Amino acid sequence: MIIFDKGKEGFVKEIHPSNQQKELLPLCDVIFVSGSTLINHTIDQLLVYCQSARQVIITGLSTCLYPMAFQNTPVTHLAGMYWNPENKMSIFDKVSQAAGMMHLVHFGKKLTIKIE
């Protein structure tokens, strides 16, 4: 298992520096990519390195559960949360009270979607 985390590289010896992604990701069969890469605009470059992977899964709460956006990419699965619109006001109320994910997860449903 190879782990990259820009915020922790150099602090934990099992975490590889992000500058090794270009060299190491093409060697991987299964790759899990954080949904936060969509937010920080690093997803496009990471997917370039994932072309030979058997499976590429984007995972986490910030994963966009919109499979059409990932057609014609190496992404094979999206694993994130579906937030039921009926819970919108309850979610906003909890967020306004600084609630963390442990207080919010019961308003959503964890989903994994295969990209066809």
Protein backbone atom coordinates (compact mmCIF):
# COMPACT_ATOMS: atom_id res chain seq x y z
CA MET A 1 0.00 0.00 0.00
CA ILE A 2 1.28 3.43 -0.95
CA ILE A 3 -0.12 6.50 0.78
CA PHE A 4 0.31 10.11 -0.32
CA ASP A 5 -0.77 12.96 1.94
CA LYS A 6 0.69 16.37 1.26
CA GLY A 7 -0.19 17.61 4.75
CA LYS A 8 1.61 14.75 6.50
CA GLU A 9 4.57 13.99 4.26
CA GLY A 10 7.79 14.08 6.21
CA PHE A 11 6.03 13.50 9.54
CA VAL A 12 5.03 9.85 9.10
CA LYS A 13 7.53 7.57 7.37
CA GLU A 14 4.81 5.42 5.70
CA ILE A 15 3.49 8.46 3.80
CA HIS A 16 5.20 9.13 0.51
CA PRO A 17 5.87 12.64 -0.78
CA SER A 18 3.42 13.78 -3.43
CA ASN A 19 6.27 14.33 -5.89
CA GLN A 20 6.51 10.51 -6.16
CA GLN A 21 2.94 10.15 -7.49
CA LYS A 22 4.05 10.36 -11.12
CA GLU A 23 6.47 7.48 -10.56
CA LEU A 24 4.43 5.25 -8.20
CA LEU A 25 0.77 5.56 -9.22
CA PRO A 26 1.26 3.95 -12.65
CA LEU A 27 2.49 0.83 -10.80
CA CYS A 28 -0.75 0.45 -8.80
CA ASP A 29 -3.66 -1.88 -9.66
CA VAL A 30 -6.26 -0.30 -7.37
CA ILE A 31 -6.17 3.38 -6.48
CA PHE A 32 -8.30 5.26 -3.95
CA VAL A 33 -8.39 9.01 -4.52
CA SER A 34 -9.82 11.44 -1.99
CA GLY A 35 -12.83 13.44 -3.12
CA SER A 36 -11.00 16.51 -1.84
CA THR A 37 -8.84 16.33 -4.98
CA LEU A 38 -11.89 17.70 -6.79
CA ILE A 39 -11.90 20.71 -4.49
CA ASN A 40 -8.16 21.39 -4.55
CA HIS A 41 -7.96 20.91 -8.35
CA THR A 42 -5.45 18.04 -8.29
CA ILE A 43 -7.77 15.32 -9.66
CA ASP A 44 -6.94 15.88 -13.34
CA GLN A 45 -3.21 15.37 -12.92
CA LEU A 46 -3.68 12.37 -10.62
CA LEU A 47 -5.92 10.65 -13.17
CA VAL A 48 -3.18 11.00 -15.78
CA TYR A 49 -1.04 8.77 -13.55
CA CYS A 50 -3.87 6.22 -13.07
CA GLN A 51 -4.32 5.15 -16.70
CA SER A 52 -3.09 1.58 -16.18
CA ALA A 53 -4.97 0.88 -12.92
CA ARG A 54 -7.63 -1.84 -12.86
CA GLN A 55 -9.82 0.24 -10.55
CA VAL A 56 -9.80 3.90 -9.55
CA ILE A 57 -12.21 4.83 -6.78
CA ILE A 58 -12.92 8.41 -5.74
CA THR A 59 -13.98 8.29 -2.12
CA GLY A 60 -14.99 10.57 0.71
CA LEU A 61 -17.62 13.07 1.67
CA SER A 62 -16.61 15.57 -1.01
CA THR A 63 -16.98 12.97 -3.78
CA CYS A 64 -19.30 14.19 -6.50
CA LEU A 65 -21.79 11.33 -7.07
CA TYR A 66 -22.29 12.18 -10.73
CA PRO A 67 -21.01 9.28 -12.83
CA MET A 68 -21.40 11.04 -16.18
CA ALA A 69 -18.70 13.50 -15.13
CA PHE A 70 -16.19 10.64 -14.98
CA GLN A 71 -16.99 8.78 -18.17
CA ASN A 72 -13.97 8.47 -20.44
CA THR A 73 -11.64 8.72 -17.42
CA PRO A 74 -9.87 5.94 -15.50
CA VAL A 75 -12.37 6.34 -12.62
CA THR A 76 -14.37 3.12 -12.11
CA HIS A 77 -16.31 3.88 -8.91
CA LEU A 78 -17.56 6.82 -6.86
CA ALA A 79 -17.95 6.25 -3.11
CA GLY A 80 -19.48 9.08 -1.15
CA MET A 81 -22.61 10.37 0.56
CA TYR A 82 -26.04 11.06 -0.84
CA TRP A 83 -27.69 13.85 1.10
CA ASN A 84 -31.47 13.56 0.89
CA PRO A 85 -32.92 16.98 -0.02
CA GLU A 86 -35.71 16.38 2.51
CA ASN A 87 -33.08 16.73 5.24
CA LYS A 88 -31.71 20.01 3.93
CA MET A 89 -32.98 22.26 6.73
CA SER A 90 -31.96 19.81 9.47
CA ILE A 91 -28.48 19.56 7.96
CA PHE A 92 -28.16 23.35 7.70
CA ASP A 93 -29.37 23.70 11.30
CA LYS A 94 -26.74 21.23 12.57
CA VAL A 95 -23.97 22.83 10.48
CA SER A 96 -24.88 26.26 11.87
CA GLN A 97 -24.30 24.75 15.33
CA ALA A 98 -20.81 23.58 14.27
CA ALA A 99 -21.84 19.92 14.18
CA GLY A 100 -19.26 17.52 12.81
CA MET A 101 -19.76 14.60 10.46
CA MET A 102 -20.62 12.26 13.33
CA HIS A 103 -23.73 14.40 13.88
CA LEU A 104 -24.60 14.62 10.19
CA VAL A 105 -24.11 11.14 8.76
CA HIS A 106 -27.55 9.93 9.80
CA PHE A 107 -29.03 12.52 7.41
CA GLY A 108 -27.28 10.90 4.45
CA LYS A 109 -26.70 7.54 2.89
CA LYS A 110 -23.32 6.10 1.94
CA LEU A 111 -23.29 5.05 -1.69
CA THR A 112 -20.88 3.44 -4.10
CA ILE A 113 -21.67 3.93 -7.76
CA LYS A 114 -20.01 1.97 -10.54
CA ILE A 115 -19.22 3.98 -13.63
CA GLU A 116 -20.46 2.16 -16.71
